Amino acid sequence: MKTLRLDTTELGLDFNAALKLATAISRQQLDEDAMLLSWYDRERDLESPAGVSECHEGCATKGSWDYALNRGARLAVEFDSGRYTFCFL
């Protein structure tokens, strides 16, 4: 999976703004039909799909990342060293 790492701390993006930017990037990098498979919000410790990290307790790999990899994700957009991560198919 290709990973784009963005430093946007000076922009002060919240989760929704980061999601909009990540979606626009995925459409440019993949195609207009790019689909969001999973995401992780470190600040709120939330992920989607919910609960995918339960079996990854103590693992370095977040469940949302593993979920995306095992479903053929082609692009991950990571903001501010993992503050937000969005994985697309």
PDB file of N, CA and C in Angstrom:
ATOM      1  N   MET A   1       0.855  -1.170   0.000  1.00  0.00           N
ATOM      2  CA  MET A   1       0.000   0.000   0.000  1.00  0.00           C
ATOM      3  C   MET A   1       0.904   1.237   0.000  1.00  0.00           C
ATOM      4  N   LYS A   2       0.620   2.135  -0.906  1.00  0.00           N
ATOM      5  CA  LYS A   2       1.351   3.401  -0.966  1.00  0.00           C
ATOM      6  C   LYS A   2       0.901   4.267   0.210  1.00  0.00           C
ATOM      7  N   THR A   3       1.864   4.932   0.861  1.00  0.00           N
ATOM      8  CA  THR A   3       1.543   5.780   2.000  1.00  0.00           C
ATOM      9  C   THR A   3       2.040   7.196   1.763  1.00  0.00           C
ATOM     10  N   LEU A   4       1.143   8.156   1.904  1.00  0.00           N
ATOM     11  CA  LEU A   4       1.495   9.569   1.839  1.00  0.00           C
ATOM     12  C   LEU A   4       1.471  10.115   3.260  1.00  0.00           C
ATOM     13  N   ARG A   5       2.586  10.680   3.687  1.00  0.00           N
ATOM     14  CA  ARG A   5       2.676  11.247   5.035  1.00  0.00           C
ATOM     15  C   ARG A   5       2.726  12.766   4.926  1.00  0.00           C
ATOM     16  N   LEU A   6       1.740  13.409   5.525  1.00  0.00           N
ATOM     17  CA  LEU A   6       1.605  14.856   5.426  1.00  0.00           C
ATOM     18  C   LEU A   6       1.824  15.516   6.783  1.00  0.00           C
ATOM     19  N   ASP A   7       2.579  16.596   6.784  1.00  0.00           N
ATOM     20  CA  ASP A   7       2.755  17.397   7.990  1.00  0.00           C
ATOM     21  C   ASP A   7       1.861  18.628   7.842  1.00  0.00           C
ATOM     22  N   THR A   8       0.760  18.622   8.572  1.00  0.00           N
ATOM     23  CA  THR A   8      -0.225  19.698   8.454  1.00  0.00           C
ATOM     24  C   THR A   8      -0.463  20.397   9.788  1.00  0.00           C
ATOM     25  N   THR A   9       0.454  20.249  10.715  1.00  0.00           N
ATOM     26  CA  THR A   9       0.242  20.810  12.050  1.00  0.00           C
ATOM     27  C   THR A   9      -0.050  22.303  12.011  1.00  0.00           C
ATOM     28  N   GLU A  10       0.603  23.027  11.124  1.00  0.00           N
ATOM     29  CA  GLU A  10       0.391  24.482  11.045  1.00  0.00           C
ATOM     30  C   GLU A  10      -0.994  24.841  10.507  1.00  0.00           C
ATOM     31  N   LEU A  11      -1.639  23.912   9.836  1.00  0.00           N
ATOM     32  CA  LEU A  11      -2.983  24.169   9.301  1.00  0.00           C
ATOM     33  C   LEU A  11      -4.067  23.989  10.362  1.00  0.00           C
ATOM     34  N   GLY A  12      -3.769  23.236  11.402  1.00  0.00           N
ATOM     35  CA  GLY A  12      -4.747  23.023  12.467  1.00  0.00           C
ATOM     36  C   GLY A  12      -5.992  22.287  12.009  1.00  0.00           C
ATOM     37  N   LEU A  13      -5.826  21.279  11.158  1.00  0.00           N
ATOM     38  CA  LEU A  13      -6.978  20.540  10.642  1.00  0.00           C
ATOM     39  C   LEU A  13      -7.628  19.697  11.730  1.00  0.00           C
ATOM     40  N   ASP A  14      -8.955  19.694  11.749  1.00  0.00           N
ATOM     41  CA  ASP A  14      -9.655  18.765  12.617  1.00  0.00           C
ATOM     42  C   ASP A  14      -9.907  17.485  11.817  1.00  0.00           C
ATOM     43  N   PHE A  15     -10.552  16.516  12.430  1.00  0.00           N
ATOM     44  CA  PHE A  15     -10.775  15.231  11.778  1.00  0.00           C
ATOM     45  C   PHE A  15     -11.526  15.380  10.455  1.00  0.00           C
ATOM     46  N   ASN A  16     -12.606  16.156  10.455  1.00  0.00           N
ATOM     47  CA  ASN A  16     -13.416  16.291   9.239  1.00  0.00           C
ATOM     48  C   ASN A  16     -12.654  16.967   8.107  1.00  0.00           C
ATOM     49  N   ALA A  17     -11.865  17.974   8.417  1.00  0.00           N
ATOM     50  CA  ALA A  17     -11.071  18.645   7.384  1.00  0.00           C
ATOM     51  C   ALA A  17      -9.996  17.703   6.846  1.00  0.00           C
ATOM     52  N   ALA A  18      -9.377  16.929   7.719  1.00  0.00           N
ATOM     53  CA  ALA A  18      -8.366  15.958   7.280  1.00  0.00           C
ATOM     54  C   ALA A  18      -9.000  14.895   6.398  1.00  0.00           C
ATOM     55  N   LEU A  19     -10.202  14.436   6.751  1.00  0.00           N
ATOM     56  CA  LEU A  19     -10.904  13.447   5.939  1.00  0.00           C
ATOM     57  C   LEU A  19     -11.207  14.002   4.554  1.00  0.00           C
ATOM     58  N   LYS A  20     -11.672  15.228   4.472  1.00  0.00           N
ATOM     59  CA  LYS A  20     -11.960  15.844   3.166  1.00  0.00           C
ATOM     60  C   LYS A  20     -10.703  15.933   2.307  1.00  0.00           C
ATOM     61  N   LEU A  21      -9.597  16.347   2.918  1.00  0.00           N
ATOM     62  CA  LEU A  21      -8.340  16.447   2.180  1.00  0.00           C
ATOM     63  C   LEU A  21      -7.859  15.064   1.749  1.00  0.00           C
ATOM     64  N   ALA A  22      -7.924  14.084   2.629  1.00  0.00           N
ATOM     65  CA  ALA A  22      -7.504  12.722   2.292  1.00  0.00           C
ATOM     66  C   ALA A  22      -8.355  12.149   1.163  1.00  0.00           C
ATOM     67  N   THR A  23      -9.647  12.418   1.186  1.00  0.00           N
ATOM     68  CA  THR A  23     -10.546  11.933   0.133  1.00  0.00           C
ATOM     69  C   THR A  23     -10.190  12.571  -1.210  1.00  0.00           C
ATOM     70  N   ALA A  24      -9.922  13.857  -1.215  1.00  0.00           N
ATOM     71  CA  ALA A  24      -9.520  14.534  -2.458  1.00  0.00           C
ATOM     72  C   ALA A  24      -8.209  13.956  -2.985  1.00  0.00           C
ATOM     73  N   ILE A  25      -7.282  13.692  -2.098  1.00  0.00           N
ATOM     74  CA  ILE A  25      -6.001  13.107  -2.508  1.00  0.00           C
ATOM     75  C   ILE A  25      -6.218  11.713  -3.081  1.00  0.00           C
ATOM     76  N   SER A  26      -7.059  10.914  -2.447  1.00  0.00           N
ATOM     77  CA  SER A  26      -7.304   9.554  -2.939  1.00  0.00           C
ATOM     78  C   SER A  26      -7.939   9.574  -4.321  1.00  0.00           C
ATOM     79  N   ARG A  27      -8.824  10.513  -4.559  1.00  0.00           N
ATOM     80  CA  ARG A  27      -9.456  10.613  -5.882  1.00  0.00           C
ATOM     81  C   ARG A  27      -8.459  11.024  -6.945  1.00  0.00           C
ATOM     82  N   GLN A  28      -7.488  11.848  -6.568  1.00  0.00           N
ATOM     83  CA  GLN A  28      -6.456  12.263  -7.513  1.00  0.00           C
ATOM     84  C   GLN A  28      -5.444  11.136  -7.735  1.00  0.00           C
ATOM     85  N   GLN A  29      -5.068  10.440  -6.695  1.00  0.00           N
ATOM     86  CA  GLN A  29      -4.056   9.386  -6.792  1.00  0.00           C
ATOM     87  C   GLN A  29      -4.599   8.073  -7.352  1.00  0.00           C
ATOM     88  N   LEU A  30      -5.833   7.740  -7.020  1.00  0.00           N
ATOM     89  CA  LEU A  30      -6.421   6.466  -7.449  1.00  0.00           C
ATOM     90  C   LEU A  30      -7.421   6.712  -8.574  1.00  0.00           C
ATOM     91  N   ASP A  31      -8.626   7.093  -8.215  1.00  0.00           N
ATOM     92  CA  ASP A  31      -9.654   7.485  -9.175  1.00  0.00           C
ATOM     93  C   ASP A  31     -10.841   8.052  -8.417  1.00  0.00           C
ATOM     94  N   GLU A  32     -11.807   8.537  -9.148  1.00  0.00           N
ATOM     95  CA  GLU A  32     -12.976   9.182  -8.532  1.00  0.00           C
ATOM     96  C   GLU A  32     -13.788   8.230  -7.660  1.00  0.00           C
ATOM     97  N   ASP A  33     -13.654   6.933  -7.900  1.00  0.00           N
ATOM     98  CA  ASP A  33     -14.419   5.955  -7.140  1.00  0.00           C
ATOM     99  C   ASP A  33     -13.656   5.385  -5.954  1.00  0.00           C
ATOM    100  N   ALA A  34     -12.573   6.025  -5.559  1.00  0.00           N
ATOM    101  CA  ALA A  34     -11.801   5.542  -4.410  1.00  0.00           C
ATOM    102  C   ALA A  34     -12.719   5.425  -3.194  1.00  0.00           C
ATOM    103  N   MET A  35     -12.541   4.341  -2.450  1.00  0.00           N
ATOM    104  CA  MET A  35     -13.418   4.077  -1.313  1.00  0.00           C
ATOM    105  C   MET A  35     -12.604   4.050  -0.021  1.00  0.00           C
ATOM    106  N   LEU A  36     -13.098   4.735   0.986  1.00  0.00           N
ATOM    107  CA  LEU A  36     -12.473   4.723   2.301  1.00  0.00           C
ATOM    108  C   LEU A  36     -12.752   3.375   2.963  1.00  0.00           C
ATOM    109  N   LEU A  37     -11.672   2.653   3.298  1.00  0.00           N
ATOM    110  CA  LEU A  37     -11.824   1.345   3.940  1.00  0.00           C
ATOM    111  C   LEU A  37     -11.752   1.430   5.454  1.00  0.00           C
ATOM    112  N   SER A  38     -10.826   2.239   5.946  1.00  0.00           N
ATOM    113  CA  SER A  38     -10.656   2.337   7.391  1.00  0.00           C
ATOM    114  C   SER A  38      -9.995   3.658   7.741  1.00  0.00           C
ATOM    115  N   TRP A  39     -10.096   4.024   9.013  1.00  0.00           N
ATOM    116  CA  TRP A  39      -9.437   5.240   9.492  1.00  0.00           C
ATOM    117  C   TRP A  39      -9.120   5.090  10.970  1.00  0.00           C
ATOM    118  N   TYR A  40      -8.191   5.944  11.421  1.00  0.00           N
ATOM    119  CA  TYR A  40      -7.817   5.983  12.824  1.00  0.00           C
ATOM    120  C   TYR A  40      -7.626   7.429  13.244  1.00  0.00           C
ATOM    121  N   ASP A  41      -8.199   7.781  14.381  1.00  0.00           N
ATOM    122  CA  ASP A  41      -8.086   9.115  14.968  1.00  0.00           C
ATOM    123  C   ASP A  41      -7.396   8.940  16.323  1.00  0.00           C
ATOM    124  N   ARG A  42      -6.103   9.227  16.368  1.00  0.00           N
ATOM    125  CA  ARG A  42      -5.318   9.016  17.582  1.00  0.00           C
ATOM    126  C   ARG A  42      -5.783   9.906  18.732  1.00  0.00           C
ATOM    127  N   GLU A  43      -6.174  11.152  18.442  1.00  0.00           N
ATOM    128  CA  GLU A  43      -6.592  12.081  19.500  1.00  0.00           C
ATOM    129  C   GLU A  43      -7.777  11.561  20.297  1.00  0.00           C
ATOM    130  N   ARG A  44      -8.734  10.987  19.609  1.00  0.00           N
ATOM    131  CA  ARG A  44      -9.927  10.468  20.282  1.00  0.00           C
ATOM    132  C   ARG A  44      -9.856   8.964  20.505  1.00  0.00           C
ATOM    133  N   ASP A  45      -8.774   8.330  20.017  1.00  0.00           N
ATOM    134  CA  ASP A  45      -8.594   6.885  20.071  1.00  0.00           C
ATOM    135  C   ASP A  45      -9.820   6.168  19.504  1.00  0.00           C
ATOM    136  N   LEU A  46     -10.232   6.623  18.318  1.00  0.00           N
ATOM    137  CA  LEU A  46     -11.358   6.024  17.604  1.00  0.00           C
ATOM    138  C   LEU A  46     -10.866   5.449  16.291  1.00  0.00           C
ATOM    139  N   GLU A  47     -11.557   4.432  15.826  1.00  0.00           N
ATOM    140  CA  GLU A  47     -11.204   3.809  14.553  1.00  0.00           C
ATOM    141  C   GLU A  47     -12.455   3.291  13.864  1.00  0.00           C
ATOM    142  N   SER A  48     -12.292   3.066  12.582  1.00  0.00           N
ATOM    143  CA  SER A  48     -13.350   2.445  11.813  1.00  0.00           C
ATOM    144  C   SER A  48     -12.702   1.457  10.859  1.00  0.00           C
ATOM    145  N   PRO A  49     -13.253   0.270  10.790  1.00  0.00           N
ATOM    146  CA  PRO A  49     -14.383  -0.266  11.528  1.00  0.00           C
ATOM    147  C   PRO A  49     -14.087  -0.352  13.024  1.00  0.00           C
ATOM    148  N   ALA A  50     -15.128  -0.139  13.790  1.00  0.00           N
ATOM    149  CA  ALA A  50     -14.988  -0.155  15.246  1.00  0.00           C
ATOM    150  C   ALA A  50     -14.550  -1.536  15.727  1.00  0.00           C
ATOM    151  N   GLY A  51     -13.625  -1.548  16.660  1.00  0.00           N
ATOM    152  CA  GLY A  51     -13.211  -2.792  17.289  1.00  0.00           C
ATOM    153  C   GLY A  51     -12.145  -3.597  16.578  1.00  0.00           C
ATOM    154  N   VAL A  52     -11.655  -3.126  15.436  1.00  0.00           N
ATOM    155  CA  VAL A  52     -10.665  -3.933  14.710  1.00  0.00           C
ATOM    156  C   VAL A  52      -9.324  -4.013  15.426  1.00  0.00           C
ATOM    157  N   SER A  53      -9.080  -3.165  16.405  1.00  0.00           N
ATOM    158  CA  SER A  53      -7.817  -3.225  17.147  1.00  0.00           C
ATOM    159  C   SER A  53      -7.901  -4.109  18.385  1.00  0.00           C
ATOM    160  N   GLU A  54      -9.072  -4.634  18.686  1.00  0.00           N
ATOM    161  CA  GLU A  54      -9.221  -5.457  19.883  1.00  0.00           C
ATOM    162  C   GLU A  54      -8.280  -6.656  19.876  1.00  0.00           C
ATOM    163  N   CYS A  55      -8.071  -7.260  18.726  1.00  0.00           N
ATOM    164  CA  CYS A  55      -7.185  -8.417  18.652  1.00  0.00           C
ATOM    165  C   CYS A  55      -5.742  -8.006  18.377  1.00  0.00           C
ATOM    166  N   HIS A  56      -5.458  -6.691  18.391  1.00  0.00           N
ATOM    167  CA  HIS A  56      -4.112  -6.184  18.164  1.00  0.00           C
ATOM    168  C   HIS A  56      -3.534  -5.544  19.429  1.00  0.00           C
ATOM    169  N   GLU A  57      -4.086  -5.892  20.590  1.00  0.00           N
ATOM    170  CA  GLU A  57      -3.582  -5.347  21.851  1.00  0.00           C
ATOM    171  C   GLU A  57      -2.094  -5.647  21.984  1.00  0.00           C
ATOM    172  N   GLY A  58      -1.315  -4.629  22.245  1.00  0.00           N
ATOM    173  CA  GLY A  58       0.120  -4.799  22.408  1.00  0.00           C
ATOM    174  C   GLY A  58       0.896  -4.894  21.109  1.00  0.00           C
ATOM    175  N   CYS A  59       0.224  -4.821  19.990  1.00  0.00           N
ATOM    176  CA  CYS A  59       0.891  -4.902  18.689  1.00  0.00           C
ATOM    177  C   CYS A  59       1.250  -3.503  18.194  1.00  0.00           C
ATOM    178  N   ALA A  60       2.306  -3.423  17.428  1.00  0.00           N
ATOM    179  CA  ALA A  60       2.713  -2.142  16.854  1.00  0.00           C
ATOM    180  C   ALA A  60       1.777  -1.717  15.724  1.00  0.00           C
ATOM    181  N   THR A  61       1.127  -2.680  15.087  1.00  0.00           N
ATOM    182  CA  THR A  61       0.235  -2.392  13.963  1.00  0.00           C
ATOM    183  C   THR A  61      -1.177  -2.163  14.466  1.00  0.00           C
ATOM    184  N   LYS A  62      -1.761  -1.016  14.112  1.00  0.00           N
ATOM    185  CA  LYS A  62      -3.150  -0.725  14.480  1.00  0.00           C
ATOM    186  C   LYS A  62      -4.085  -1.637  13.681  1.00  0.00           C
ATOM    187  N   GLY A  63      -5.178  -1.989  14.279  1.00  0.00           N
ATOM    188  CA  GLY A  63      -6.150  -2.860  13.620  1.00  0.00           C
ATOM    189  C   GLY A  63      -6.729  -2.253  12.355  1.00  0.00           C
ATOM    190  N   SER A  64      -6.923  -0.930  12.347  1.00  0.00           N
ATOM    191  CA  SER A  64      -7.491  -0.283  11.152  1.00  0.00           C
ATOM    192  C   SER A  64      -6.536  -0.396   9.967  1.00  0.00           C
ATOM    193  N   TRP A  65      -5.221  -0.357  10.246  1.00  0.00           N
ATOM    194  CA  TRP A  65      -4.208  -0.504   9.195  1.00  0.00           C
ATOM    195  C   TRP A  65      -4.203  -1.945   8.681  1.00  0.00           C
ATOM    196  N   ASP A  66      -4.192  -2.901   9.584  1.00  0.00           N
ATOM    197  CA  ASP A  66      -4.193  -4.310   9.209  1.00  0.00           C
ATOM    198  C   ASP A  66      -5.463  -4.664   8.439  1.00  0.00           C
ATOM    199  N   TYR A  67      -6.579  -4.147   8.876  1.00  0.00           N
ATOM    200  CA  TYR A  67      -7.862  -4.362   8.195  1.00  0.00           C
ATOM    201  C   TYR A  67      -7.764  -3.911   6.739  1.00  0.00           C
ATOM    202  N   ALA A  68      -7.235  -2.699   6.529  1.00  0.00           N
ATOM    203  CA  ALA A  68      -7.123  -2.160   5.175  1.00  0.00           C
ATOM    204  C   ALA A  68      -6.170  -2.988   4.321  1.00  0.00           C
ATOM    205  N   LEU A  69      -5.029  -3.358   4.874  1.00  0.00           N
ATOM    206  CA  LEU A  69      -4.060  -4.165   4.129  1.00  0.00           C
ATOM    207  C   LEU A  69      -4.656  -5.482   3.660  1.00  0.00           C
ATOM    208  N   ASN A  70      -5.420  -6.122   4.535  1.00  0.00           N
ATOM    209  CA  ASN A  70      -6.004  -7.425   4.204  1.00  0.00           C
ATOM    210  C   ASN A  70      -7.212  -7.343   3.289  1.00  0.00           C
ATOM    211  N   ARG A  71      -7.619  -6.140   2.941  1.00  0.00           N
ATOM    212  CA  ARG A  71      -8.743  -5.966   2.032  1.00  0.00           C
ATOM    213  C   ARG A  71      -8.331  -5.238   0.759  1.00  0.00           C
ATOM    214  N   GLY A  72      -7.034  -5.173   0.518  1.00  0.00           N
ATOM    215  CA  GLY A  72      -6.533  -4.647  -0.747  1.00  0.00           C
ATOM    216  C   GLY A  72      -6.385  -3.145  -0.846  1.00  0.00           C
ATOM    217  N   ALA A  73      -6.292  -2.458   0.280  1.00  0.00           N
ATOM    218  CA  ALA A  73      -6.124  -1.001   0.231  1.00  0.00           C
ATOM    219  C   ALA A  73      -4.913  -0.643  -0.620  1.00  0.00           C
ATOM    220  N   ARG A  74      -5.051   0.442  -1.370  1.00  0.00           N
ATOM    221  CA  ARG A  74      -3.975   0.867  -2.264  1.00  0.00           C
ATOM    222  C   ARG A  74      -3.311   2.157  -1.821  1.00  0.00           C
ATOM    223  N   LEU A  75      -3.952   2.913  -0.927  1.00  0.00           N
ATOM    224  CA  LEU A  75      -3.406   4.198  -0.512  1.00  0.00           C
ATOM    225  C   LEU A  75      -3.758   4.487   0.942  1.00  0.00           C
ATOM    226  N   ALA A  76      -2.757   4.926   1.687  1.00  0.00           N
ATOM    227  CA  ALA A  76      -2.971   5.426   3.044  1.00  0.00           C
ATOM    228  C   ALA A  76      -2.513   6.877   3.069  1.00  0.00           C
ATOM    229  N   VAL A  77      -3.308   7.729   3.687  1.00  0.00           N
ATOM    230  CA  VAL A  77      -2.944   9.130   3.875  1.00  0.00           C
ATOM    231  C   VAL A  77      -2.841   9.348   5.372  1.00  0.00           C
ATOM    232  N   GLU A  78      -1.622   9.662   5.817  1.00  0.00           N
ATOM    233  CA  GLU A  78      -1.350   9.835   7.244  1.00  0.00           C
ATOM    234  C   GLU A  78      -1.033  11.302   7.522  1.00  0.00           C
ATOM    235  N   PHE A  79      -1.700  11.853   8.507  1.00  0.00           N
ATOM    236  CA  PHE A  79      -1.503  13.242   8.899  1.00  0.00           C
ATOM    237  C   PHE A  79      -0.711  13.315  10.199  1.00  0.00           C
ATOM    238  N   ASP A  80       0.277  14.184  10.216  1.00  0.00           N
ATOM    239  CA  ASP A  80       0.986  14.550  11.439  1.00  0.00           C
ATOM    240  C   ASP A  80       1.446  13.347  12.269  1.00  0.00           C
ATOM    241  N   SER A  81       2.238  12.504  11.628  1.00  0.00           N
ATOM    242  CA  SER A  81       2.848  11.337  12.293  1.00  0.00           C
ATOM    243  C   SER A  81       1.830  10.419  12.958  1.00  0.00           C
ATOM    244  N   GLY A  82       0.713  10.205  12.302  1.00  0.00           N
ATOM    245  CA  GLY A  82      -0.289   9.269  12.794  1.00  0.00           C
ATOM    246  C   GLY A  82      -1.435   9.879  13.568  1.00  0.00           C
ATOM    247  N   ARG A  83      -1.518  11.185  13.600  1.00  0.00           N
ATOM    248  CA  ARG A  83      -2.650  11.827  14.284  1.00  0.00           C
ATOM    249  C   ARG A  83      -3.963  11.341  13.683  1.00  0.00           C
ATOM    250  N   TYR A  84      -4.045  11.338  12.362  1.00  0.00           N
ATOM    251  CA  TYR A  84      -5.164  10.771  11.625  1.00  0.00           C
ATOM    252  C   TYR A  84      -4.579   9.906  10.505  1.00  0.00           C
ATOM    253  N   THR A  85      -5.198   8.755  10.260  1.00  0.00           N
ATOM    254  CA  THR A  85      -4.793   7.903   9.145  1.00  0.00           C
ATOM    255  C   THR A  85      -6.048   7.425   8.442  1.00  0.00           C
ATOM    256  N   PHE A  86      -6.037   7.525   7.108  1.00  0.00           N
ATOM    257  CA  PHE A  86      -7.155   7.122   6.270  1.00  0.00           C
ATOM    258  C   PHE A  86      -6.637   6.162   5.208  1.00  0.00           C
ATOM    259  N   CYS A  87      -7.280   5.007   5.046  1.00  0.00           N
ATOM    260  CA  CYS A  87      -6.859   3.997   4.075  1.00  0.00           C
ATOM    261  C   CYS A  87      -7.952   3.823   3.018  1.00  0.00           C
ATOM    262  N   PHE A  88      -7.518   3.833   1.758  1.00  0.00           N
ATOM    263  CA  PHE A  88      -8.458   3.800   0.633  1.00  0.00           C
ATOM    264  C   PHE A  88      -8.190   2.615  -0.298  1.00  0.00           C
ATOM    265  N   LEU A  89      -9.256   2.151  -0.917  1.00  0.00           N
ATOM    266  CA  LEU A  89      -9.215   1.113  -1.945  1.00  0.00           C
ATOM    267  C   LEU A  89      -9.486   1.759  -3.282  1.00  0.00           C
TER     268      LEU A  89
END
